Amino acid sequence: QVQLVESGGGLVQAGGSLRLSCAPSTRTSETYYMAWFRQVPEKEREFVASISFIRTYYADAVKGRFTVSRGNARNLVHLQMNNLMSEDTAVYYCAADTRGRGQPPYNLTENFDIWGQGTQVTVSA
C-alpha cells in the first residue's frame, strides 16, 4: 500500500515562512483528494487545507496565509505557510482519500485512509 512521506517542518520565528511537502512512497495510478491536518497535544486533529483535482479549500484560521498546491508528480502536494504565528505550532499531517469518499471541502478525517507520519512545525514568538 502506498505511504505518504512528509518533509519541510522545522522551527521558524513568527512572521516567517515554511513549505511542507508530501509525496507518495510509490508511483500511483490515480489522483486522490489530498489534505493537510494539524494536531497539538490533547486536542483533536484539525483541518488545515485540502485540494481536489482543481479546487482548494482552507480553514478560516489559515486562509490568506497558507497555500496548498499540487506538484508535478501525481499526488505530490505542498503547503506553503506564510506569516506564521505561534498558534500554528503543531504536528502537520498530510492525508489521501484513495476511496473518493470525501465531499467538498474534504475536511473530515474519517474520509482519509492514508496518512503521513507527521512533521513538527514550531513557531517561536
PDB file of N, CA and C in Angstrom:
ATOM      1  N   GLN A   1       0.847  -1.180   0.000  1.00  0.00           N
ATOM      2  CA  GLN A   1       0.000   0.000   0.000  1.00  0.00           C
ATOM      3  C   GLN A   1       0.889   1.239   0.000  1.00  0.00           C
ATOM      4  N   VAL A   2       0.458   2.242  -0.715  1.00  0.00           N
ATOM      5  CA  VAL A   2       1.243   3.461  -0.789  1.00  0.00           C
ATOM      6  C   VAL A   2       1.285   4.147   0.566  1.00  0.00           C
ATOM      7  N   GLN A   3       2.415   4.745   0.875  1.00  0.00           N
ATOM      8  CA  GLN A   3       2.561   5.545   2.083  1.00  0.00           C
ATOM      9  C   GLN A   3       2.839   6.985   1.683  1.00  0.00           C
ATOM     10  N   LEU A   4       2.604   7.883   2.616  1.00  0.00           N
ATOM     11  CA  LEU A   4       2.861   9.309   2.377  1.00  0.00           C
ATOM     12  C   LEU A   4       4.052   9.739   3.217  1.00  0.00           C
ATOM     13  N   VAL A   5       4.953  10.465   2.603  1.00  0.00           N
ATOM     14  CA  VAL A   5       6.163  10.925   3.280  1.00  0.00           C
ATOM     15  C   VAL A   5       6.174  12.447   3.284  1.00  0.00           C
ATOM     16  N   GLU A   6       6.178  13.020   4.484  1.00  0.00           N
ATOM     17  CA  GLU A   6       6.170  14.469   4.628  1.00  0.00           C
ATOM     18  C   GLU A   6       7.577  14.989   4.888  1.00  0.00           C
ATOM     19  N   SER A   7       7.795  16.227   4.504  1.00  0.00           N
ATOM     20  CA  SER A   7       9.072  16.874   4.773  1.00  0.00           C
ATOM     21  C   SER A   7       8.852  18.380   4.855  1.00  0.00           C
ATOM     22  N   GLY A   8       9.838  19.084   5.422  1.00  0.00           N
ATOM     23  CA  GLY A   8       9.802  20.532   5.410  1.00  0.00           C
ATOM     24  C   GLY A   8       9.473  21.208   6.720  1.00  0.00           C
ATOM     25  N   GLY A   9       9.156  20.448   7.748  1.00  0.00           N
ATOM     26  CA  GLY A   9       8.860  21.067   9.028  1.00  0.00           C
ATOM     27  C   GLY A   9      10.115  21.629   9.675  1.00  0.00           C
ATOM     28  N   GLY A  10       9.923  22.347  10.778  1.00  0.00           N
ATOM     29  CA  GLY A  10      11.071  22.910  11.484  1.00  0.00           C
ATOM     30  C   GLY A  10      10.667  24.025  12.412  1.00  0.00           C
ATOM     31  N   LEU A  11      11.684  24.772  12.832  1.00  0.00           N
ATOM     32  CA  LEU A  11      11.499  25.896  13.751  1.00  0.00           C
ATOM     33  C   LEU A  11      11.637  27.200  12.975  1.00  0.00           C
ATOM     34  N   VAL A  12      10.689  28.101  13.180  1.00  0.00           N
ATOM     35  CA  VAL A  12      10.708  29.377  12.480  1.00  0.00           C
ATOM     36  C   VAL A  12      10.190  30.455  13.413  1.00  0.00           C
ATOM     37  N   GLN A  13      10.635  31.681  13.213  1.00  0.00           N
ATOM     38  CA  GLN A  13      10.145  32.787  14.019  1.00  0.00           C
ATOM     39  C   GLN A  13       8.787  33.245  13.510  1.00  0.00           C
ATOM     40  N   ALA A  14       8.013  33.837  14.385  1.00  0.00           N
ATOM     41  CA  ALA A  14       6.716  34.386  13.997  1.00  0.00           C
ATOM     42  C   ALA A  14       6.904  35.374  12.843  1.00  0.00           C
ATOM     43  N   GLY A  15       5.993  35.274  11.868  1.00  0.00           N
ATOM     44  CA  GLY A  15       6.104  36.099  10.670  1.00  0.00           C
ATOM     45  C   GLY A  15       6.872  35.443   9.543  1.00  0.00           C
ATOM     46  N   GLY A  16       7.535  34.345   9.834  1.00  0.00           N
ATOM     47  CA  GLY A  16       8.323  33.647   8.830  1.00  0.00           C
ATOM     48  C   GLY A  16       7.494  32.685   8.004  1.00  0.00           C
ATOM     49  N   SER A  17       8.189  31.914   7.157  1.00  0.00           N
ATOM     50  CA  SER A  17       7.529  31.004   6.229  1.00  0.00           C
ATOM     51  C   SER A  17       8.171  29.620   6.276  1.00  0.00           C
ATOM     52  N   LEU A  18       7.376  28.631   5.946  1.00  0.00           N
ATOM     53  CA  LEU A  18       7.840  27.268   5.762  1.00  0.00           C
ATOM     54  C   LEU A  18       7.051  26.650   4.619  1.00  0.00           C
ATOM     55  N   ARG A  19       7.667  25.669   3.955  1.00  0.00           N
ATOM     56  CA  ARG A  19       6.975  24.944   2.900  1.00  0.00           C
ATOM     57  C   ARG A  19       7.045  23.458   3.214  1.00  0.00           C
ATOM     58  N   LEU A  20       5.877  22.857   3.414  1.00  0.00           N
ATOM     59  CA  LEU A  20       5.789  21.421   3.654  1.00  0.00           C
ATOM     60  C   LEU A  20       5.523  20.700   2.338  1.00  0.00           C
ATOM     61  N   SER A  21       6.056  19.498   2.227  1.00  0.00           N
ATOM     62  CA  SER A  21       5.803  18.669   1.060  1.00  0.00           C
ATOM     63  C   SER A  21       5.329  17.295   1.507  1.00  0.00           C
ATOM     64  N   CYS A  22       4.544  16.659   0.661  1.00  0.00           N
ATOM     65  CA  CYS A  22       4.016  15.324   0.947  1.00  0.00           C
ATOM     66  C   CYS A  22       4.067  14.535  -0.349  1.00  0.00           C
ATOM     67  N   ALA A  23       4.791  13.427  -0.331  1.00  0.00           N
ATOM     68  CA  ALA A  23       4.959  12.640  -1.545  1.00  0.00           C
ATOM     69  C   ALA A  23       4.576  11.185  -1.299  1.00  0.00           C
ATOM     70  N   PRO A  24       3.961  10.540  -2.268  1.00  0.00           N
ATOM     71  CA  PRO A  24       3.669   9.108  -2.124  1.00  0.00           C
ATOM     72  C   PRO A  24       4.957   8.304  -2.223  1.00  0.00           C
ATOM     73  N   SER A  25       5.011   7.179  -1.505  1.00  0.00           N
ATOM     74  CA  SER A  25       6.221   6.356  -1.474  1.00  0.00           C
ATOM     75  C   SER A  25       6.423   5.574  -2.756  1.00  0.00           C
ATOM     76  N   THR A  26       5.333   5.353  -3.492  1.00  0.00           N
ATOM     77  CA  THR A  26       5.410   4.645  -4.761  1.00  0.00           C
ATOM     78  C   THR A  26       4.569   5.382  -5.798  1.00  0.00           C
ATOM     79  N   ARG A  27       4.791   5.048  -7.036  1.00  0.00           N
ATOM     80  CA  ARG A  27       4.002   5.677  -8.100  1.00  0.00           C
ATOM     81  C   ARG A  27       2.546   5.235  -7.966  1.00  0.00           C
ATOM     82  N   THR A  28       1.642   6.194  -8.118  1.00  0.00           N
ATOM     83  CA  THR A  28       0.215   5.900  -8.018  1.00  0.00           C
ATOM     84  C   THR A  28      -0.439   6.074  -9.384  1.00  0.00           C
ATOM     85  N   SER A  29      -1.500   5.296  -9.608  1.00  0.00           N
ATOM     86  CA  SER A  29      -2.152   5.327 -10.920  1.00  0.00           C
ATOM     87  C   SER A  29      -3.329   6.284 -10.958  1.00  0.00           C
ATOM     88  N   GLU A  30      -3.774   6.746  -9.802  1.00  0.00           N
ATOM     89  CA  GLU A  30      -4.920   7.639  -9.740  1.00  0.00           C
ATOM     90  C   GLU A  30      -4.557   8.899  -8.972  1.00  0.00           C
ATOM     91  N   THR A  31      -5.330   9.934  -9.212  1.00  0.00           N
ATOM     92  CA  THR A  31      -5.179  11.189  -8.478  1.00  0.00           C
ATOM     93  C   THR A  31      -6.173  11.206  -7.338  1.00  0.00           C
ATOM     94  N   TYR A  32      -5.681  11.464  -6.134  1.00  0.00           N
ATOM     95  CA  TYR A  32      -6.518  11.435  -4.944  1.00  0.00           C
ATOM     96  C   TYR A  32      -6.833  12.846  -4.466  1.00  0.00           C
ATOM     97  N   TYR A  33      -7.952  12.956  -3.739  1.00  0.00           N
ATOM     98  CA  TYR A  33      -8.157  14.161  -2.936  1.00  0.00           C
ATOM     99  C   TYR A  33      -7.089  14.127  -1.837  1.00  0.00           C
ATOM    100  N   MET A  34      -6.447  15.269  -1.620  1.00  0.00           N
ATOM    101  CA  MET A  34      -5.378  15.347  -0.623  1.00  0.00           C
ATOM    102  C   MET A  34      -5.685  16.474   0.356  1.00  0.00           C
ATOM    103  N   ALA A  35      -5.173  16.331   1.576  1.00  0.00           N
ATOM    104  CA  ALA A  35      -5.431  17.356   2.582  1.00  0.00           C
ATOM    105  C   ALA A  35      -4.286  17.427   3.575  1.00  0.00           C
ATOM    106  N   TRP A  36      -4.247  18.539   4.269  1.00  0.00           N
ATOM    107  CA  TRP A  36      -3.349  18.745   5.400  1.00  0.00           C
ATOM    108  C   TRP A  36      -4.189  18.966   6.661  1.00  0.00           C
ATOM    109  N   PHE A  37      -3.785  18.301   7.723  1.00  0.00           N
ATOM    110  CA  PHE A  37      -4.373  18.483   9.044  1.00  0.00           C
ATOM    111  C   PHE A  37      -3.238  18.803  10.015  1.00  0.00           C
ATOM    112  N   ARG A  38      -3.580  19.276  11.186  1.00  0.00           N
ATOM    113  CA  ARG A  38      -2.577  19.514  12.212  1.00  0.00           C
ATOM    114  C   ARG A  38      -3.139  19.146  13.584  1.00  0.00           C
ATOM    115  N   GLN A  39      -2.234  18.882  14.498  1.00  0.00           N
ATOM    116  CA  GLN A  39      -2.652  18.447  15.824  1.00  0.00           C
ATOM    117  C   GLN A  39      -1.664  18.923  16.868  1.00  0.00           C
ATOM    118  N   VAL A  40      -2.210  19.392  17.973  1.00  0.00           N
ATOM    119  CA  VAL A  40      -1.412  19.738  19.144  1.00  0.00           C
ATOM    120  C   VAL A  40      -1.799  18.774  20.257  1.00  0.00           C
ATOM    121  N   PRO A  41      -0.924  18.606  21.253  1.00  0.00           N
ATOM    122  CA  PRO A  41      -1.208  17.636  22.322  1.00  0.00           C
ATOM    123  C   PRO A  41      -2.547  17.886  22.988  1.00  0.00           C
ATOM    124  N   GLU A  42      -3.266  16.798  23.221  1.00  0.00           N
ATOM    125  CA  GLU A  42      -4.537  16.809  23.955  1.00  0.00           C
ATOM    126  C   GLU A  42      -5.660  17.500  23.191  1.00  0.00           C
ATOM    127  N   LYS A  43      -5.476  17.715  21.914  1.00  0.00           N
ATOM    128  CA  LYS A  43      -6.550  18.268  21.086  1.00  0.00           C
ATOM    129  C   LYS A  43      -6.773  17.373  19.876  1.00  0.00           C
ATOM    130  N   GLU A  44      -7.960  17.461  19.300  1.00  0.00           N
ATOM    131  CA  GLU A  44      -8.265  16.671  18.130  1.00  0.00           C
ATOM    132  C   GLU A  44      -7.519  17.221  16.918  1.00  0.00           C
ATOM    133  N   ARG A  45      -7.309  16.313  15.979  1.00  0.00           N
ATOM    134  CA  ARG A  45      -6.672  16.728  14.735  1.00  0.00           C
ATOM    135  C   ARG A  45      -7.623  17.672  13.997  1.00  0.00           C
ATOM    136  N   GLU A  46      -7.081  18.784  13.483  1.00  0.00           N
ATOM    137  CA  GLU A  46      -7.945  19.763  12.837  1.00  0.00           C
ATOM    138  C   GLU A  46      -7.543  19.981  11.382  1.00  0.00           C
ATOM    139  N   PHE A  47      -8.542  20.295  10.593  1.00  0.00           N
ATOM    140  CA  PHE A  47      -8.361  20.529   9.173  1.00  0.00           C
ATOM    141  C   PHE A  47      -7.585  21.811   8.933  1.00  0.00           C
ATOM    142  N   VAL A  48      -6.694  21.788   7.950  1.00  0.00           N
ATOM    143  CA  VAL A  48      -5.929  22.971   7.567  1.00  0.00           C
ATOM    144  C   VAL A  48      -6.267  23.375   6.139  1.00  0.00           C
ATOM    145  N   ALA A  49      -6.083  22.451   5.196  1.00  0.00           N
ATOM    146  CA  ALA A  49      -6.310  22.759   3.780  1.00  0.00           C
ATOM    147  C   ALA A  49      -6.483  21.479   3.001  1.00  0.00           C
ATOM    148  N   SER A  50      -7.170  21.578   1.866  1.00  0.00           N
ATOM    149  CA  SER A  50      -7.350  20.412   1.017  1.00  0.00           C
ATOM    150  C   SER A  50      -7.347  20.823  -0.447  1.00  0.00           C
ATOM    151  N   ILE A  51      -7.155  19.825  -1.302  1.00  0.00           N
ATOM    152  CA  ILE A  51      -7.139  20.095  -2.735  1.00  0.00           C
ATOM    153  C   ILE A  51      -7.788  18.931  -3.471  1.00  0.00           C
ATOM    154  N   SER A  52      -8.732  19.272  -4.323  1.00  0.00           N
ATOM    155  CA  SER A  52      -9.344  18.262  -5.170  1.00  0.00           C
ATOM    156  C   SER A  52      -8.534  18.231  -6.466  1.00  0.00           C
ATOM    157  N   PHE A  53      -9.166  17.985  -7.579  1.00  0.00           N
ATOM    158  CA  PHE A  53      -8.417  17.965  -8.834  1.00  0.00           C
ATOM    159  C   PHE A  53      -8.021  19.372  -9.254  1.00  0.00           C
ATOM    160  N   ILE A  54      -8.886  20.351  -8.952  1.00  0.00           N
ATOM    161  CA  ILE A  54      -8.582  21.704  -9.392  1.00  0.00           C
ATOM    162  C   ILE A  54      -8.883  22.763  -8.347  1.00  0.00           C
ATOM    163  N   ARG A  55      -9.622  22.408  -7.283  1.00  0.00           N
ATOM    164  CA  ARG A  55     -10.017  23.426  -6.319  1.00  0.00           C
ATOM    165  C   ARG A  55      -9.288  23.229  -4.990  1.00  0.00           C
ATOM    166  N   THR A  56      -9.142  24.328  -4.265  1.00  0.00           N
ATOM    167  CA  THR A  56      -8.510  24.297  -2.956  1.00  0.00           C
ATOM    168  C   THR A  56      -9.468  24.832  -1.904  1.00  0.00           C
ATOM    169  N   TYR A  57      -9.274  24.368  -0.679  1.00  0.00           N
ATOM    170  CA  TYR A  57     -10.128  24.742   0.437  1.00  0.00           C
ATOM    171  C   TYR A  57      -9.241  24.988   1.654  1.00  0.00           C
ATOM    172  N   TYR A  58      -9.657  25.935   2.519  1.00  0.00           N
ATOM    173  CA  TYR A  58      -8.838  26.298   3.662  1.00  0.00           C
ATOM    174  C   TYR A  58      -9.683  26.489   4.908  1.00  0.00           C
ATOM    175  N   ALA A  59      -9.080  26.162   6.047  1.00  0.00           N
ATOM    176  CA  ALA A  59      -9.680  26.525   7.317  1.00  0.00           C
ATOM    177  C   ALA A  59      -9.595  28.040   7.472  1.00  0.00           C
ATOM    178  N   ASP A  60     -10.567  28.614   8.174  1.00  0.00           N
ATOM    179  CA  ASP A  60     -10.586  30.071   8.348  1.00  0.00           C
ATOM    180  C   ASP A  60      -9.297  30.576   8.996  1.00  0.00           C
ATOM    181  N   ALA A  61      -8.719  29.776   9.899  1.00  0.00           N
ATOM    182  CA  ALA A  61      -7.546  30.216  10.652  1.00  0.00           C
ATOM    183  C   ALA A  61      -6.312  30.425   9.765  1.00  0.00           C
ATOM    184  N   VAL A  62      -6.290  29.796   8.590  1.00  0.00           N
ATOM    185  CA  VAL A  62      -5.104  29.880   7.739  1.00  0.00           C
ATOM    186  C   VAL A  62      -5.375  30.561   6.408  1.00  0.00           C
ATOM    187  N   LYS A  63      -6.618  30.895   6.145  1.00  0.00           N
ATOM    188  CA  LYS A  63      -6.995  31.485   4.858  1.00  0.00           C
ATOM    189  C   LYS A  63      -6.225  32.792   4.636  1.00  0.00           C
ATOM    190  N   GLY A  64      -5.653  32.927   3.464  1.00  0.00           N
ATOM    191  CA  GLY A  64      -4.871  34.117   3.155  1.00  0.00           C
ATOM    192  C   GLY A  64      -3.411  34.012   3.533  1.00  0.00           C
ATOM    193  N   ARG A  65      -3.045  33.014   4.333  1.00  0.00           N
ATOM    194  CA  ARG A  65      -1.648  32.835   4.733  1.00  0.00           C
ATOM    195  C   ARG A  65      -1.045  31.543   4.186  1.00  0.00           C
ATOM    196  N   PHE A  66      -1.867  30.505   4.055  1.00  0.00           N
ATOM    197  CA  PHE A  66      -1.386  29.208   3.590  1.00  0.00           C
ATOM    198  C   PHE A  66      -1.896  28.954   2.174  1.00  0.00           C
ATOM    199  N   THR A  67      -1.101  28.222   1.406  1.00  0.00           N
ATOM    200  CA  THR A  67      -1.487  27.846   0.050  1.00  0.00           C
ATOM    201  C   THR A  67      -1.152  26.373  -0.183  1.00  0.00           C
ATOM    202  N   VAL A  68      -2.159  25.599  -0.578  1.00  0.00           N
ATOM    203  CA  VAL A  68      -1.942  24.192  -0.905  1.00  0.00           C
ATOM    204  C   VAL A  68      -1.889  24.062  -2.422  1.00  0.00           C
ATOM    205  N   SER A  69      -0.982  23.230  -2.904  1.00  0.00           N
ATOM    206  CA  SER A  69      -0.832  23.075  -4.351  1.00  0.00           C
ATOM    207  C   SER A  69      -0.351  21.669  -4.670  1.00  0.00           C
ATOM    208  N   ARG A  70      -0.516  21.309  -5.916  1.00  0.00           N
ATOM    209  CA  ARG A  70      -0.012  20.013  -6.388  1.00  0.00           C
ATOM    210  C   ARG A  70       1.317  20.214  -7.117  1.00  0.00           C
ATOM    211  N   GLY A  71       2.218  19.238  -6.942  1.00  0.00           N
ATOM    212  CA  GLY A  71       3.472  19.264  -7.655  1.00  0.00           C
ATOM    213  C   GLY A  71       3.346  18.559  -8.991  1.00  0.00           C
ATOM    214  N   ASN A  72       4.473  18.386  -9.651  1.00  0.00           N
ATOM    215  CA  ASN A  72       4.465  17.771 -10.972  1.00  0.00           C
ATOM    216  C   ASN A  72       4.153  16.274 -10.910  1.00  0.00           C
ATOM    217  N   ALA A  73       4.580  15.615  -9.850  1.00  0.00           N
ATOM    218  CA  ALA A  73       4.308  14.182  -9.721  1.00  0.00           C
ATOM    219  C   ALA A  73       2.895  13.978  -9.189  1.00  0.00           C
ATOM    220  N   ARG A  74       2.260  12.890  -9.609  1.00  0.00           N
ATOM    221  CA  ARG A  74       0.899  12.611  -9.154  1.00  0.00           C
ATOM    222  C   ARG A  74       0.860  12.452  -7.641  1.00  0.00           C
ATOM    223  N   ASN A  75      -0.057  13.167  -7.010  1.00  0.00           N
ATOM    224  CA  ASN A  75      -0.300  13.130  -5.562  1.00  0.00           C
ATOM    225  C   ASN A  75       0.841  13.701  -4.728  1.00  0.00           C
ATOM    226  N   LEU A  76       1.745  14.425  -5.362  1.00  0.00           N
ATOM    227  CA  LEU A  76       2.711  15.231  -4.624  1.00  0.00           C
ATOM    228  C   LEU A  76       2.020  16.555  -4.310  1.00  0.00           C
ATOM    229  N   VAL A  77       1.979  16.918  -3.042  1.00  0.00           N
ATOM    230  CA  VAL A  77       1.333  18.171  -2.656  1.00  0.00           C
ATOM    231  C   VAL A  77       2.258  18.979  -1.762  1.00  0.00           C
ATOM    232  N   HIS A  78       2.056  20.284  -1.790  1.00  0.00           N
ATOM    233  CA  HIS A  78       2.836  21.204  -0.981  1.00  0.00           C
ATOM    234  C   HIS A  78       1.892  22.066  -0.158  1.00  0.00           C
ATOM    235  N   LEU A  79       2.410  22.545   0.966  1.00  0.00           N
ATOM    236  CA  LEU A  79       1.688  23.514   1.782  1.00  0.00           C
ATOM    237  C   LEU A  79       2.651  24.658   2.067  1.00  0.00           C
ATOM    238  N   GLN A  80       2.439  25.770   1.391  1.00  0.00           N
ATOM    239  CA  GLN A  80       3.232  26.971   1.632  1.00  0.00           C
ATOM    240  C   GLN A  80       2.594  27.744   2.767  1.00  0.00           C
ATOM    241  N   MET A  81       3.356  27.967   3.815  1.00  0.00           N
ATOM    242  CA  MET A  81       2.834  28.637   5.009  1.00  0.00           C
ATOM    243  C   MET A  81       3.585  29.945   5.199  1.00  0.00           C
ATOM    244  N   ASN A  82       2.874  31.053   5.091  1.00  0.00           N
ATOM    245  CA  ASN A  82       3.465  32.382   5.254  1.00  0.00           C
ATOM    246  C   ASN A  82       2.890  33.070   6.470  1.00  0.00           C
ATOM    247  N   ASN A  83       3.593  34.076   6.935  1.00  0.00           N
ATOM    248  CA  ASN A  83       3.148  34.865   8.087  1.00  0.00           C
ATOM    249  C   ASN A  83       2.747  33.946   9.244  1.00  0.00           C
ATOM    250  N   LEU A  84       3.628  33.039   9.572  1.00  0.00           N
ATOM    251  CA  LEU A  84       3.326  32.053  10.608  1.00  0.00           C
ATOM    252  C   LEU A  84       3.183  32.707  11.965  1.00  0.00           C
ATOM    253  N   MET A  85       2.286  32.140  12.752  1.00  0.00           N
ATOM    254  CA  MET A  85       2.007  32.638  14.099  1.00  0.00           C
ATOM    255  C   MET A  85       2.240  31.512  15.101  1.00  0.00           C
ATOM    256  N   SER A  86       2.404  31.867  16.365  1.00  0.00           N
ATOM    257  CA  SER A  86       2.680  30.859  17.389  1.00  0.00           C
ATOM    258  C   SER A  86       1.566  29.815  17.454  1.00  0.00           C
ATOM    259  N   GLU A  87       0.342  30.228  17.168  1.00  0.00           N
ATOM    260  CA  GLU A  87      -0.766  29.271  17.228  1.00  0.00           C
ATOM    261  C   GLU A  87      -0.761  28.280  16.072  1.00  0.00           C
ATOM    262  N   ASP A  88       0.146  28.445  15.107  1.00  0.00           N
ATOM    263  CA  ASP A  88       0.305  27.469  14.039  1.00  0.00           C
ATOM    264  C   ASP A  88       1.203  26.308  14.464  1.00  0.00           C
ATOM    265  N   THR A  89       1.808  26.414  15.631  1.00  0.00           N
ATOM    266  CA  THR A  89       2.664  25.347  16.126  1.00  0.00           C
ATOM    267  C   THR A  89       1.851  24.065  16.297  1.00  0.00           C
ATOM    268  N   ALA A  90       2.302  22.995  15.656  1.00  0.00           N
ATOM    269  CA  ALA A  90       1.576  21.727  15.689  1.00  0.00           C
ATOM    270  C   ALA A  90       2.369  20.683  14.906  1.00  0.00           C
ATOM    271  N   VAL A  91       1.920  19.450  15.004  1.00  0.00           N
ATOM    272  CA  VAL A  91       2.388  18.421  14.090  1.00  0.00           C
ATOM    273  C   VAL A  91       1.443  18.433  12.888  1.00  0.00           C
ATOM    274  N   TYR A  92       2.016  18.538  11.708  1.00  0.00           N
ATOM    275  CA  TYR A  92       1.228  18.625  10.481  1.00  0.00           C
ATOM    276  C   TYR A  92       1.246  17.276   9.774  1.00  0.00           C
ATOM    277  N   TYR A  93       0.063  16.828   9.363  1.00  0.00           N
ATOM    278  CA  TYR A  93      -0.098  15.545   8.694  1.00  0.00           C
ATOM    279  C   TYR A  93      -0.718  15.766   7.301  1.00  0.00           C
ATOM    280  N   CYS A  94      -0.205  15.068   6.327  1.00  0.00           N
ATOM    281  CA  CYS A  94      -0.913  15.044   5.052  1.00  0.00           C
ATOM    282  C   CYS A  94      -1.705  13.747   4.971  1.00  0.00           C
ATOM    283  N   ALA A  95      -2.747  13.760   4.162  1.00  0.00           N
ATOM    284  CA  ALA A  95      -3.650  12.627   4.075  1.00  0.00           C
ATOM    285  C   ALA A  95      -4.179  12.495   2.658  1.00  0.00           C
ATOM    286  N   ALA A  96      -4.493  11.254   2.290  1.00  0.00           N
ATOM    287  CA  ALA A  96      -5.031  10.963   0.964  1.00  0.00           C
ATOM    288  C   ALA A  96      -6.358  10.220   1.090  1.00  0.00           C
ATOM    289  N   ASP A  97      -7.313  10.634   0.291  1.00  0.00           N
ATOM    290  CA  ASP A  97      -8.610   9.953   0.211  1.00  0.00           C
ATOM    291  C   ASP A  97      -8.582   9.100  -1.059  1.00  0.00           C
ATOM    292  N   THR A  98      -8.141   7.852  -0.921  1.00  0.00           N
ATOM    293  CA  THR A  98      -7.986   6.989  -2.087  1.00  0.00           C
ATOM    294  C   THR A  98      -9.299   6.347  -2.514  1.00  0.00           C
ATOM    295  N   ARG A  99     -10.312   6.425  -1.650  1.00  0.00           N
ATOM    296  CA  ARG A  99     -11.588   5.776  -1.961  1.00  0.00           C
ATOM    297  C   ARG A  99     -12.592   6.760  -2.539  1.00  0.00           C
ATOM    298  N   GLY A 100     -12.236   8.027  -2.565  1.00  0.00           N
ATOM    299  CA  GLY A 100     -13.141   9.013  -3.138  1.00  0.00           C
ATOM    300  C   GLY A 100     -14.397   9.241  -2.329  1.00  0.00           C
ATOM    301  N   ARG A 101     -14.304   9.110  -1.010  1.00  0.00           N
ATOM    302  CA  ARG A 101     -15.494   9.223  -0.172  1.00  0.00           C
ATOM    303  C   ARG A 101     -15.783  10.664   0.237  1.00  0.00           C
ATOM    304  N   GLY A 102     -14.797  11.516   0.111  1.00  0.00           N
ATOM    305  CA  GLY A 102     -14.978  12.866   0.628  1.00  0.00           C
ATOM    306  C   GLY A 102     -15.842  13.739  -0.268  1.00  0.00           C
ATOM    307  N   GLN A 103     -16.357  14.793   0.349  1.00  0.00           N
ATOM    308  CA  GLN A 103     -17.115  15.828  -0.346  1.00  0.00           C
ATOM    309  C   GLN A 103     -16.465  17.160  -0.028  1.00  0.00           C
ATOM    310  N   PRO A 104     -16.604  18.128  -0.913  1.00  0.00           N
ATOM    311  CA  PRO A 104     -16.030  19.455  -0.617  1.00  0.00           C
ATOM    312  C   PRO A 104     -16.537  19.951   0.719  1.00  0.00           C
ATOM    313  N   PRO A 105     -15.722  20.555   1.559  1.00  0.00           N
ATOM    314  CA  PRO A 105     -14.320  20.921   1.361  1.00  0.00           C
ATOM    315  C   PRO A 105     -13.304  19.851   1.769  1.00  0.00           C
ATOM    316  N   TYR A 106     -13.663  18.590   1.808  1.00  0.00           N
ATOM    317  CA  TYR A 106     -12.728  17.493   2.097  1.00  0.00           C
ATOM    318  C   TYR A 106     -11.989  17.749   3.405  1.00  0.00           C
ATOM    319  N   ASN A 107     -12.751  17.988   4.467  1.00  0.00           N
ATOM    320  CA  ASN A 107     -12.167  18.362   5.746  1.00  0.00           C
ATOM    321  C   ASN A 107     -12.458  17.383   6.876  1.00  0.00           C
ATOM    322  N   LEU A 108     -12.972  16.206   6.555  1.00  0.00           N
ATOM    323  CA  LEU A 108     -13.303  15.223   7.585  1.00  0.00           C
ATOM    324  C   LEU A 108     -12.240  14.133   7.638  1.00  0.00           C
ATOM    325  N   THR A 109     -11.654  13.927   8.816  1.00  0.00           N
ATOM    326  CA  THR A 109     -10.577  12.951   8.940  1.00  0.00           C
ATOM    327  C   THR A 109     -11.029  11.544   8.552  1.00  0.00           C
ATOM    328  N   GLU A 110     -12.282  11.202   8.827  1.00  0.00           N
ATOM    329  CA  GLU A 110     -12.731   9.825   8.590  1.00  0.00           C
ATOM    330  C   GLU A 110     -12.771   9.453   7.107  1.00  0.00           C
ATOM    331  N   ASN A 111     -12.710  10.416   6.216  1.00  0.00           N
ATOM    332  CA  ASN A 111     -12.732  10.117   4.783  1.00  0.00           C
ATOM    333  C   ASN A 111     -11.336   9.882   4.212  1.00  0.00           C
ATOM    334  N   PHE A 112     -10.319  10.113   5.008  1.00  0.00           N
ATOM    335  CA  PHE A 112      -8.940   9.950   4.532  1.00  0.00           C
ATOM    336  C   PHE A 112      -8.382   8.643   5.085  1.00  0.00           C
ATOM    337  N   ASP A 113      -7.917   7.767   4.193  1.00  0.00           N
ATOM    338  CA  ASP A 113      -7.499   6.436   4.621  1.00  0.00           C
ATOM    339  C   ASP A 113      -5.989   6.240   4.652  1.00  0.00           C
ATOM    340  N   ILE A 114      -5.234   7.161   4.101  1.00  0.00           N
ATOM    341  CA  ILE A 114      -3.776   7.060   4.170  1.00  0.00           C
ATOM    342  C   ILE A 114      -3.242   8.355   4.765  1.00  0.00           C
ATOM    343  N   TRP A 115      -2.367   8.219   5.755  1.00  0.00           N
ATOM    344  CA  TRP A 115      -1.821   9.366   6.480  1.00  0.00           C
ATOM    345  C   TRP A 115      -0.296   9.299   6.493  1.00  0.00           C
ATOM    346  N   GLY A 116       0.312  10.476   6.470  1.00  0.00           N
ATOM    347  CA  GLY A 116       1.746  10.551   6.649  1.00  0.00           C
ATOM    348  C   GLY A 116       2.099  10.420   8.121  1.00  0.00           C
ATOM    349  N   GLN A 117       3.394  10.416   8.394  1.00  0.00           N
ATOM    350  CA  GLN A 117       3.870  10.221   9.765  1.00  0.00           C
ATOM    351  C   GLN A 117       3.833  11.504  10.579  1.00  0.00           C
ATOM    352  N   GLY A 118       3.654  12.626   9.923  1.00  0.00           N
ATOM    353  CA  GLY A 118       3.596  13.917  10.609  1.00  0.00           C
ATOM    354  C   GLY A 118       4.945  14.611  10.615  1.00  0.00           C
ATOM    355  N   THR A 119       4.908  15.928  10.559  1.00  0.00           N
ATOM    356  CA  THR A 119       6.128  16.726  10.647  1.00  0.00           C
ATOM    357  C   THR A 119       5.869  17.905  11.578  1.00  0.00           C
ATOM    358  N   GLN A 120       6.822  18.138  12.482  1.00  0.00           N
ATOM    359  CA  GLN A 120       6.639  19.166  13.509  1.00  0.00           C
ATOM    360  C   GLN A 120       6.926  20.549  12.928  1.00  0.00           C
ATOM    361  N   VAL A 121       6.017  21.467  13.195  1.00  0.00           N
ATOM    362  CA  VAL A 121       6.210  22.886  12.875  1.00  0.00           C
ATOM    363  C   VAL A 121       6.133  23.654  14.190  1.00  0.00           C
ATOM    364  N   THR A 122       7.195  24.382  14.502  1.00  0.00           N
ATOM    365  CA  THR A 122       7.247  25.163  15.722  1.00  0.00           C
ATOM    366  C   THR A 122       7.509  26.614  15.366  1.00  0.00           C
ATOM    367  N   VAL A 123       6.619  27.489  15.814  1.00  0.00           N
ATOM    368  CA  VAL A 123       6.748  28.921  15.545  1.00  0.00           C
ATOM    369  C   VAL A 123       7.050  29.624  16.858  1.00  0.00           C
ATOM    370  N   SER A 124       8.187  30.269  16.927  1.00  0.00           N
ATOM    371  CA  SER A 124       8.578  30.965  18.153  1.00  0.00           C
ATOM    372  C   SER A 124       8.107  32.420  18.085  1.00  0.00           C
ATOM    373  N   ALA A 125       7.706  32.904  19.260  1.00  0.00           N
ATOM    374  CA  ALA A 125       7.181  34.281  19.319  1.00  0.00           C
ATOM    375  C   ALA A 125       8.299  35.309  19.191  1.00  0.00           C
TER     376      ALA A 125
END
